Amino acid sequence: MPSSFPSRNSHAWQATALLDLLAETAVKETKKNGLFVIPGIGRLVKAERKARVGRNSATGEQIKIKAKAVVKFRVAKAAKDVIAPVKKPAAK
């Protein structure tokens, strides 16, 4: 084990283990149910993109882009309001 890796009894190791478990659970649940919610933070949502026509930026040639599944993260309103509050208009 590298010397920079936290020891098994440290708080850093416990935090790392918790975040690894959270990420593993998020992937499994999103794949299975199409949704994973972290209260107060946001949600992972599985969405389907339709097939569409795109353009090769180098040649300008039209290309067909296949339909595919994508994962989107939607920030919770509570987190959004704290991180980027809506500015109120100045009083006249």
PDB file of N, CA and C in Angstrom:
ATOM      1  N   MET A   1       0.841  -1.174   0.000  1.00  0.00           N
ATOM      2  CA  MET A   1       0.000   0.000   0.000  1.00  0.00           C
ATOM      3  C   MET A   1       0.893   1.246   0.000  1.00  0.00           C
ATOM      4  N   PRO A   2       0.629   2.224  -0.894  1.00  0.00           N
ATOM      5  CA  PRO A   2       1.434   3.448  -0.910  1.00  0.00           C
ATOM      6  C   PRO A   2       1.293   4.217   0.399  1.00  0.00           C
ATOM      7  N   SER A   3       2.336   4.945   0.766  1.00  0.00           N
ATOM      8  CA  SER A   3       2.308   5.686   2.024  1.00  0.00           C
ATOM      9  C   SER A   3       1.266   6.796   2.017  1.00  0.00           C
ATOM     10  N   SER A   4       0.853   7.265   0.829  1.00  0.00           N
ATOM     11  CA  SER A   4      -0.135   8.344   0.749  1.00  0.00           C
ATOM     12  C   SER A   4      -1.566   7.827   0.924  1.00  0.00           C
ATOM     13  N   PHE A   5      -1.754   6.502   0.864  1.00  0.00           N
ATOM     14  CA  PHE A   5      -3.083   5.924   1.009  1.00  0.00           C
ATOM     15  C   PHE A   5      -3.459   5.938   2.490  1.00  0.00           C
ATOM     16  N   PRO A   6      -4.696   6.381   2.819  1.00  0.00           N
ATOM     17  CA  PRO A   6      -5.076   6.466   4.231  1.00  0.00           C
ATOM     18  C   PRO A   6      -5.099   5.088   4.899  1.00  0.00           C
ATOM     19  N   SER A   7      -4.752   5.031   6.195  1.00  0.00           N
ATOM     20  CA  SER A   7      -4.794   3.765   6.928  1.00  0.00           C
ATOM     21  C   SER A   7      -6.251   3.356   7.122  1.00  0.00           C
ATOM     22  N   ARG A   8      -6.475   2.052   7.336  1.00  0.00           N
ATOM     23  CA  ARG A   8      -7.827   1.508   7.439  1.00  0.00           C
ATOM     24  C   ARG A   8      -8.616   2.092   8.613  1.00  0.00           C
ATOM     25  N   ASN A   9      -7.951   2.602   9.619  1.00  0.00           N
ATOM     26  CA  ASN A   9      -8.641   3.115  10.794  1.00  0.00           C
ATOM     27  C   ASN A   9      -8.885   4.620  10.729  1.00  0.00           C
ATOM     28  N   SER A  10      -8.435   5.272   9.693  1.00  0.00           N
ATOM     29  CA  SER A  10      -8.558   6.726   9.629  1.00  0.00           C
ATOM     30  C   SER A  10      -9.936   7.161   9.128  1.00  0.00           C
ATOM     31  N   HIS A  11     -10.267   8.396   9.428  1.00  0.00           N
ATOM     32  CA  HIS A  11     -11.529   8.963   8.939  1.00  0.00           C
ATOM     33  C   HIS A  11     -11.500   9.087   7.418  1.00  0.00           C
ATOM     34  N   ALA A  12     -10.329   9.366   6.848  1.00  0.00           N
ATOM     35  CA  ALA A  12     -10.214   9.482   5.390  1.00  0.00           C
ATOM     36  C   ALA A  12     -10.536   8.153   4.729  1.00  0.00           C
ATOM     37  N   TRP A  13     -10.082   7.058   5.308  1.00  0.00           N
ATOM     38  CA  TRP A  13     -10.365   5.747   4.739  1.00  0.00           C
ATOM     39  C   TRP A  13     -11.862   5.455   4.821  1.00  0.00           C
ATOM     40  N   GLN A  14     -12.478   5.793   5.953  1.00  0.00           N
ATOM     41  CA  GLN A  14     -13.911   5.565   6.121  1.00  0.00           C
ATOM     42  C   GLN A  14     -14.711   6.400   5.125  1.00  0.00           C
ATOM     43  N   ALA A  15     -14.295   7.643   4.912  1.00  0.00           N
ATOM     44  CA  ALA A  15     -14.979   8.510   3.944  1.00  0.00           C
ATOM     45  C   ALA A  15     -14.826   7.955   2.535  1.00  0.00           C
ATOM     46  N   THR A  16     -13.622   7.483   2.207  1.00  0.00           N
ATOM     47  CA  THR A  16     -13.372   6.904   0.888  1.00  0.00           C
ATOM     48  C   THR A  16     -14.254   5.677   0.677  1.00  0.00           C
ATOM     49  N   ALA A  17     -14.339   4.811   1.690  1.00  0.00           N
ATOM     50  CA  ALA A  17     -15.165   3.609   1.596  1.00  0.00           C
ATOM     51  C   ALA A  17     -16.642   3.972   1.424  1.00  0.00           C
ATOM     52  N   LEU A  18     -17.096   4.983   2.155  1.00  0.00           N
ATOM     53  CA  LEU A  18     -18.491   5.425   2.051  1.00  0.00           C
ATOM     54  C   LEU A  18     -18.795   5.955   0.643  1.00  0.00           C
ATOM     55  N   LEU A  19     -17.906   6.790   0.113  1.00  0.00           N
ATOM     56  CA  LEU A  19     -18.129   7.345  -1.229  1.00  0.00           C
ATOM     57  C   LEU A  19     -18.070   6.264  -2.300  1.00  0.00           C
ATOM     58  N   ASP A  20     -17.183   5.282  -2.129  1.00  0.00           N
ATOM     59  CA  ASP A  20     -17.131   4.162  -3.075  1.00  0.00           C
ATOM     60  C   ASP A  20     -18.437   3.374  -3.057  1.00  0.00           C
ATOM     61  N   LEU A  21     -18.959   3.124  -1.852  1.00  0.00           N
ATOM     62  CA  LEU A  21     -20.228   2.403  -1.719  1.00  0.00           C
ATOM     63  C   LEU A  21     -21.383   3.206  -2.320  1.00  0.00           C
ATOM     64  N   LEU A  22     -21.399   4.519  -2.085  1.00  0.00           N
ATOM     65  CA  LEU A  22     -22.439   5.384  -2.649  1.00  0.00           C
ATOM     66  C   LEU A  22     -22.390   5.347  -4.177  1.00  0.00           C
ATOM     67  N   ALA A  23     -21.199   5.439  -4.746  1.00  0.00           N
ATOM     68  CA  ALA A  23     -21.062   5.410  -6.208  1.00  0.00           C
ATOM     69  C   ALA A  23     -21.503   4.069  -6.770  1.00  0.00           C
ATOM     70  N   GLU A  24     -21.118   2.985  -6.127  1.00  0.00           N
ATOM     71  CA  GLU A  24     -21.503   1.644  -6.581  1.00  0.00           C
ATOM     72  C   GLU A  24     -23.019   1.470  -6.530  1.00  0.00           C
ATOM     73  N   THR A  25     -23.631   1.923  -5.440  1.00  0.00           N
ATOM     74  CA  THR A  25     -25.084   1.834  -5.283  1.00  0.00           C
ATOM     75  C   THR A  25     -25.798   2.702  -6.318  1.00  0.00           C
ATOM     76  N   ALA A  26     -25.284   3.908  -6.564  1.00  0.00           N
ATOM     77  CA  ALA A  26     -25.888   4.815  -7.553  1.00  0.00           C
ATOM     78  C   ALA A  26     -25.891   4.180  -8.932  1.00  0.00           C
ATOM     79  N   VAL A  27     -24.790   3.554  -9.317  1.00  0.00           N
ATOM     80  CA  VAL A  27     -24.704   2.910 -10.635  1.00  0.00           C
ATOM     81  C   VAL A  27     -25.697   1.764 -10.730  1.00  0.00           C
ATOM     82  N   LYS A  28     -25.732   0.906  -9.722  1.00  0.00           N
ATOM     83  CA  LYS A  28     -26.647  -0.246  -9.743  1.00  0.00           C
ATOM     84  C   LYS A  28     -28.106   0.188  -9.804  1.00  0.00           C
ATOM     85  N   GLU A  29     -28.490   1.135  -8.949  1.00  0.00           N
ATOM     86  CA  GLU A  29     -29.884   1.576  -8.892  1.00  0.00           C
ATOM     87  C   GLU A  29     -30.308   2.321 -10.150  1.00  0.00           C
ATOM     88  N   THR A  30     -29.430   3.159 -10.688  1.00  0.00           N
ATOM     89  CA  THR A  30     -29.770   3.896 -11.916  1.00  0.00           C
ATOM     90  C   THR A  30     -29.927   2.926 -13.080  1.00  0.00           C
ATOM     91  N   LYS A  31     -29.063   1.920 -13.142  1.00  0.00           N
ATOM     92  CA  LYS A  31     -29.151   0.923 -14.209  1.00  0.00           C
ATOM     93  C   LYS A  31     -30.437   0.100 -14.071  1.00  0.00           C
ATOM     94  N   LYS A  32     -30.790  -0.264 -12.826  1.00  0.00           N
ATOM     95  CA  LYS A  32     -31.956  -1.112 -12.576  1.00  0.00           C
ATOM     96  C   LYS A  32     -33.274  -0.353 -12.692  1.00  0.00           C
ATOM     97  N   ASN A  33     -33.363   0.817 -12.043  1.00  0.00           N
ATOM     98  CA  ASN A  33     -34.637   1.544 -11.941  1.00  0.00           C
ATOM     99  C   ASN A  33     -34.706   2.817 -12.787  1.00  0.00           C
ATOM    100  N   GLY A  34     -33.567   3.255 -13.326  1.00  0.00           N
ATOM    101  CA  GLY A  34     -33.563   4.476 -14.117  1.00  0.00           C
ATOM    102  C   GLY A  34     -33.512   5.743 -13.285  1.00  0.00           C
ATOM    103  N   LEU A  35     -33.347   5.605 -11.945  1.00  0.00           N
ATOM    104  CA  LEU A  35     -33.362   6.773 -11.063  1.00  0.00           C
ATOM    105  C   LEU A  35     -32.613   6.453  -9.776  1.00  0.00           C
ATOM    106  N   PHE A  36     -31.801   7.408  -9.309  1.00  0.00           N
ATOM    107  CA  PHE A  36     -31.152   7.302  -8.004  1.00  0.00           C
ATOM    108  C   PHE A  36     -31.141   8.687  -7.392  1.00  0.00           C
ATOM    109  N   VAL A  37     -31.707   8.814  -6.188  1.00  0.00           N
ATOM    110  CA  VAL A  37     -31.845  10.122  -5.537  1.00  0.00           C
ATOM    111  C   VAL A  37     -30.895  10.216  -4.349  1.00  0.00           C
ATOM    112  N   ILE A  38     -30.173  11.326  -4.279  1.00  0.00           N
ATOM    113  CA  ILE A  38     -29.373  11.670  -3.108  1.00  0.00           C
ATOM    114  C   ILE A  38     -30.065  12.887  -2.506  1.00  0.00           C
ATOM    115  N   PRO A  39     -30.822  12.699  -1.413  1.00  0.00           N
ATOM    116  CA  PRO A  39     -31.608  13.806  -0.857  1.00  0.00           C
ATOM    117  C   PRO A  39     -30.760  15.043  -0.564  1.00  0.00           C
ATOM    118  N   GLY A  40     -31.255  16.189  -1.004  1.00  0.00           N
ATOM    119  CA  GLY A  40     -30.567  17.448  -0.769  1.00  0.00           C
ATOM    120  C   GLY A  40     -29.457  17.745  -1.758  1.00  0.00           C
ATOM    121  N   ILE A  41     -29.052  16.769  -2.558  1.00  0.00           N
ATOM    122  CA  ILE A  41     -27.966  16.939  -3.533  1.00  0.00           C
ATOM    123  C   ILE A  41     -28.513  16.906  -4.962  1.00  0.00           C
ATOM    124  N   GLY A  42     -29.202  15.826  -5.307  1.00  0.00           N
ATOM    125  CA  GLY A  42     -29.748  15.717  -6.660  1.00  0.00           C
ATOM    126  C   GLY A  42     -30.113  14.286  -6.996  1.00  0.00           C
ATOM    127  N   ARG A  43     -30.303  14.046  -8.281  1.00  0.00           N
ATOM    128  CA  ARG A  43     -30.702  12.711  -8.724  1.00  0.00           C
ATOM    129  C   ARG A  43     -30.033  12.358 -10.037  1.00  0.00           C
ATOM    130  N   LEU A  44     -29.693  11.076 -10.169  1.00  0.00           N
ATOM    131  CA  LEU A  44     -29.219  10.525 -11.433  1.00  0.00           C
ATOM    132  C   LEU A  44     -30.437   9.972 -12.155  1.00  0.00           C
ATOM    133  N   VAL A  45     -30.598  10.322 -13.420  1.00  0.00           N
ATOM    134  CA  VAL A  45     -31.754   9.890 -14.197  1.00  0.00           C
ATOM    135  C   VAL A  45     -31.264   9.297 -15.511  1.00  0.00           C
ATOM    136  N   LYS A  46     -31.730   8.088 -15.814  1.00  0.00           N
ATOM    137  CA  LYS A  46     -31.413   7.448 -17.090  1.00  0.00           C
ATOM    138  C   LYS A  46     -32.436   7.940 -18.112  1.00  0.00           C
ATOM    139  N   ALA A  47     -31.959   8.428 -19.258  1.00  0.00           N
ATOM    140  CA  ALA A  47     -32.853   8.957 -20.293  1.00  0.00           C
ATOM    141  C   ALA A  47     -32.485   8.346 -21.645  1.00  0.00           C
ATOM    142  N   GLU A  48     -33.453   8.295 -22.523  1.00  0.00           N
ATOM    143  CA  GLU A  48     -33.235   7.777 -23.876  1.00  0.00           C
ATOM    144  C   GLU A  48     -33.137   8.942 -24.851  1.00  0.00           C
ATOM    145  N   ARG A  49     -32.091   8.967 -25.645  1.00  0.00           N
ATOM    146  CA  ARG A  49     -31.964   9.977 -26.701  1.00  0.00           C
ATOM    147  C   ARG A  49     -32.431   9.371 -28.010  1.00  0.00           C
ATOM    148  N   LYS A  50     -33.189  10.138 -28.775  1.00  0.00           N
ATOM    149  CA  LYS A  50     -33.679   9.674 -30.064  1.00  0.00           C
ATOM    150  C   LYS A  50     -32.550   9.698 -31.084  1.00  0.00           C
ATOM    151  N   ALA A  51     -32.715   8.912 -32.142  1.00  0.00           N
ATOM    152  CA  ALA A  51     -31.779   8.966 -33.261  1.00  0.00           C
ATOM    153  C   ALA A  51     -31.954  10.322 -33.939  1.00  0.00           C
ATOM    154  N   ARG A  52     -30.875  10.846 -34.482  1.00  0.00           N
ATOM    155  CA  ARG A  52     -30.963  12.165 -35.117  1.00  0.00           C
ATOM    156  C   ARG A  52     -29.885  12.308 -36.181  1.00  0.00           C
ATOM    157  N   VAL A  53     -29.992  13.376 -36.935  1.00  0.00           N
ATOM    158  CA  VAL A  53     -29.001  13.678 -37.961  1.00  0.00           C
ATOM    159  C   VAL A  53     -28.067  14.745 -37.413  1.00  0.00           C
ATOM    160  N   GLY A  54     -26.768  14.490 -37.516  1.00  0.00           N
ATOM    161  CA  GLY A  54     -25.770  15.448 -37.060  1.00  0.00           C
ATOM    162  C   GLY A  54     -24.900  15.880 -38.223  1.00  0.00           C
ATOM    163  N   ARG A  55     -23.847  16.580 -37.910  1.00  0.00           N
ATOM    164  CA  ARG A  55     -22.957  17.073 -38.955  1.00  0.00           C
ATOM    165  C   ARG A  55     -21.513  16.858 -38.519  1.00  0.00           C
ATOM    166  N   ASN A  56     -20.711  16.297 -39.427  1.00  0.00           N
ATOM    167  CA  ASN A  56     -19.283  16.140 -39.189  1.00  0.00           C
ATOM    168  C   ASN A  56     -18.666  17.532 -39.259  1.00  0.00           C
ATOM    169  N   SER A  57     -18.096  17.997 -38.160  1.00  0.00           N
ATOM    170  CA  SER A  57     -17.585  19.369 -38.123  1.00  0.00           C
ATOM    171  C   SER A  57     -16.371  19.573 -39.030  1.00  0.00           C
ATOM    172  N   ALA A  58     -15.642  18.519 -39.323  1.00  0.00           N
ATOM    173  CA  ALA A  58     -14.454  18.658 -40.180  1.00  0.00           C
ATOM    174  C   ALA A  58     -14.829  18.758 -41.656  1.00  0.00           C
ATOM    175  N   THR A  59     -15.830  17.954 -42.093  1.00  0.00           N
ATOM    176  CA  THR A  59     -16.165  17.911 -43.511  1.00  0.00           C
ATOM    177  C   THR A  59     -17.495  18.585 -43.838  1.00  0.00           C
ATOM    178  N   GLY A  60     -18.342  18.777 -42.822  1.00  0.00           N
ATOM    179  CA  GLY A  60     -19.656  19.352 -43.070  1.00  0.00           C
ATOM    180  C   GLY A  60     -20.667  18.313 -43.535  1.00  0.00           C
ATOM    181  N   GLU A  61     -20.229  17.067 -43.676  1.00  0.00           N
ATOM    182  CA  GLU A  61     -21.096  15.991 -44.152  1.00  0.00           C
ATOM    183  C   GLU A  61     -22.116  15.613 -43.077  1.00  0.00           C
ATOM    184  N   GLN A  62     -23.367  15.344 -43.509  1.00  0.00           N
ATOM    185  CA  GLN A  62     -24.390  14.906 -42.567  1.00  0.00           C
ATOM    186  C   GLN A  62     -24.128  13.457 -42.180  1.00  0.00           C
ATOM    187  N   ILE A  63     -24.344  13.153 -40.885  1.00  0.00           N
ATOM    188  CA  ILE A  63     -24.170  11.795 -40.400  1.00  0.00           C
ATOM    189  C   ILE A  63     -25.375  11.415 -39.557  1.00  0.00           C
ATOM    190  N   LYS A  64     -25.654  10.117 -39.483  1.00  0.00           N
ATOM    191  CA  LYS A  64     -26.744   9.621 -38.657  1.00  0.00           C
ATOM    192  C   LYS A  64     -26.175   9.277 -37.288  1.00  0.00           C
ATOM    193  N   ILE A  65     -26.816   9.784 -36.244  1.00  0.00           N
ATOM    194  CA  ILE A  65     -26.423   9.493 -34.873  1.00  0.00           C
ATOM    195  C   ILE A  65     -27.479   8.542 -34.306  1.00  0.00           C
ATOM    196  N   LYS A  66     -27.037   7.389 -33.823  1.00  0.00           N
ATOM    197  CA  LYS A  66     -27.955   6.366 -33.330  1.00  0.00           C
ATOM    198  C   LYS A  66     -28.605   6.786 -32.011  1.00  0.00           C
ATOM    199  N   ALA A  67     -29.772   6.205 -31.743  1.00  0.00           N
ATOM    200  CA  ALA A  67     -30.436   6.408 -30.451  1.00  0.00           C
ATOM    201  C   ALA A  67     -29.582   5.745 -29.383  1.00  0.00           C
ATOM    202  N   LYS A  68     -29.586   6.327 -28.175  1.00  0.00           N
ATOM    203  CA  LYS A  68     -28.804   5.720 -27.099  1.00  0.00           C
ATOM    204  C   LYS A  68     -29.342   6.171 -25.748  1.00  0.00           C
ATOM    205  N   ALA A  69     -28.952   5.413 -24.725  1.00  0.00           N
ATOM    206  CA  ALA A  69     -29.312   5.757 -23.350  1.00  0.00           C
ATOM    207  C   ALA A  69     -28.204   6.637 -22.781  1.00  0.00           C
ATOM    208  N   VAL A  70     -28.591   7.663 -22.027  1.00  0.00           N
ATOM    209  CA  VAL A  70     -27.632   8.559 -21.382  1.00  0.00           C
ATOM    210  C   VAL A  70     -28.039   8.734 -19.925  1.00  0.00           C
ATOM    211  N   VAL A  71     -27.099   9.178 -19.098  1.00  0.00           N
ATOM    212  CA  VAL A  71     -27.377   9.444 -17.699  1.00  0.00           C
ATOM    213  C   VAL A  71     -27.237  10.946 -17.473  1.00  0.00           C
ATOM    214  N   LYS A  72     -28.239  11.533 -16.823  1.00  0.00           N
ATOM    215  CA  LYS A  72     -28.223  12.962 -16.524  1.00  0.00           C
ATOM    216  C   LYS A  72     -28.243  13.139 -15.016  1.00  0.00           C
ATOM    217  N   PHE A  73     -27.590  14.199 -14.532  1.00  0.00           N
ATOM    218  CA  PHE A  73     -27.644  14.531 -13.110  1.00  0.00           C
ATOM    219  C   PHE A  73     -28.436  15.802 -12.967  1.00  0.00           C
ATOM    220  N   ARG A  74     -29.478  15.757 -12.162  1.00  0.00           N
ATOM    221  CA  ARG A  74     -30.317  16.931 -11.918  1.00  0.00           C
ATOM    222  C   ARG A  74     -30.095  17.383 -10.479  1.00  0.00           C
ATOM    223  N   VAL A  75     -29.623  18.598 -10.327  1.00  0.00           N
ATOM    224  CA  VAL A  75     -29.322  19.141  -9.007  1.00  0.00           C
ATOM    225  C   VAL A  75     -30.615  19.450  -8.267  1.00  0.00           C
ATOM    226  N   ALA A  76     -30.659  19.103  -6.989  1.00  0.00           N
ATOM    227  CA  ALA A  76     -31.831  19.374  -6.154  1.00  0.00           C
ATOM    228  C   ALA A  76     -32.013  20.875  -5.979  1.00  0.00           C
ATOM    229  N   LYS A  77     -33.254  21.304  -5.853  1.00  0.00           N
ATOM    230  CA  LYS A  77     -33.541  22.727  -5.706  1.00  0.00           C
ATOM    231  C   LYS A  77     -32.850  23.319  -4.480  1.00  0.00           C
ATOM    232  N   ALA A  78     -32.837  22.579  -3.375  1.00  0.00           N
ATOM    233  CA  ALA A  78     -32.200  23.071  -2.146  1.00  0.00           C
ATOM    234  C   ALA A  78     -30.711  23.352  -2.381  1.00  0.00           C
ATOM    235  N   ALA A  79     -30.023  22.452  -3.066  1.00  0.00           N
ATOM    236  CA  ALA A  79     -28.597  22.648  -3.347  1.00  0.00           C
ATOM    237  C   ALA A  79     -28.397  23.799  -4.325  1.00  0.00           C
ATOM    238  N   LYS A  80     -29.259  23.859  -5.329  1.00  0.00           N
ATOM    239  CA  LYS A  80     -29.147  24.920  -6.336  1.00  0.00           C
ATOM    240  C   LYS A  80     -29.335  26.298  -5.708  1.00  0.00           C
ATOM    241  N   ASP A  81     -30.309  26.425  -4.803  1.00  0.00           N
ATOM    242  CA  ASP A  81     -30.575  27.710  -4.158  1.00  0.00           C
ATOM    243  C   ASP A  81     -29.410  28.172  -3.286  1.00  0.00           C
ATOM    244  N   VAL A  82     -28.703  27.228  -2.673  1.00  0.00           N
ATOM    245  CA  VAL A  82     -27.560  27.579  -1.832  1.00  0.00           C
ATOM    246  C   VAL A  82     -26.339  27.920  -2.686  1.00  0.00           C
ATOM    247  N   ILE A  83     -26.098  27.129  -3.726  1.00  0.00           N
ATOM    248  CA  ILE A  83     -24.911  27.306  -4.563  1.00  0.00           C
ATOM    249  C   ILE A  83     -25.040  28.517  -5.472  1.00  0.00           C
ATOM    250  N   ALA A  84     -26.187  28.658  -6.122  1.00  0.00           N
ATOM    251  CA  ALA A  84     -26.392  29.754  -7.074  1.00  0.00           C
ATOM    252  C   ALA A  84     -27.755  30.385  -6.830  1.00  0.00           C
ATOM    253  N   PRO A  85     -27.873  31.198  -5.781  1.00  0.00           N
ATOM    254  CA  PRO A  85     -29.184  31.788  -5.475  1.00  0.00           C
ATOM    255  C   PRO A  85     -29.652  32.728  -6.587  1.00  0.00           C
ATOM    256  N   VAL A  86     -30.970  32.789  -6.735  1.00  0.00           N
ATOM    257  CA  VAL A  86     -31.558  33.689  -7.733  1.00  0.00           C
ATOM    258  C   VAL A  86     -31.397  35.123  -7.225  1.00  0.00           C
ATOM    259  N   LYS A  87     -30.876  35.967  -8.070  1.00  0.00           N
ATOM    260  CA  LYS A  87     -30.687  37.364  -7.685  1.00  0.00           C
ATOM    261  C   LYS A  87     -32.016  38.113  -7.784  1.00  0.00           C
ATOM    262  N   LYS A  88     -32.338  38.852  -6.753  1.00  0.00           N
ATOM    263  CA  LYS A  88     -33.564  39.632  -6.753  1.00  0.00           C
ATOM    264  C   LYS A  88     -33.304  40.939  -7.474  1.00  0.00           C
ATOM    265  N   PRO A  89     -34.294  41.436  -8.244  1.00  0.00           N
ATOM    266  CA  PRO A  89     -34.113  42.715  -8.925  1.00  0.00           C
ATOM    267  C   PRO A  89     -33.922  43.858  -7.919  1.00  0.00           C
ATOM    268  N   ALA A  90     -33.133  44.800  -8.303  1.00  0.00           N
ATOM    269  CA  ALA A  90     -32.862  45.951  -7.430  1.00  0.00           C
ATOM    270  C   ALA A  90     -34.121  46.756  -7.233  1.00  0.00           C
ATOM    271  N   ALA A  91     -34.304  47.277  -6.024  1.00  0.00           N
ATOM    272  CA  ALA A  91     -35.486  48.104  -5.712  1.00  0.00           C
ATOM    273  C   ALA A  91     -35.339  49.457  -6.402  1.00  0.00           C
ATOM    274  N   LYS A  92     -36.471  50.019  -6.813  1.00  0.00           N
ATOM    275  CA  LYS A  92     -36.454  51.311  -7.514  1.00  0.00           C
ATOM    276  C   LYS A  92     -36.477  52.440  -6.559  1.00  0.00           C
TER     277      LYS A  92
END
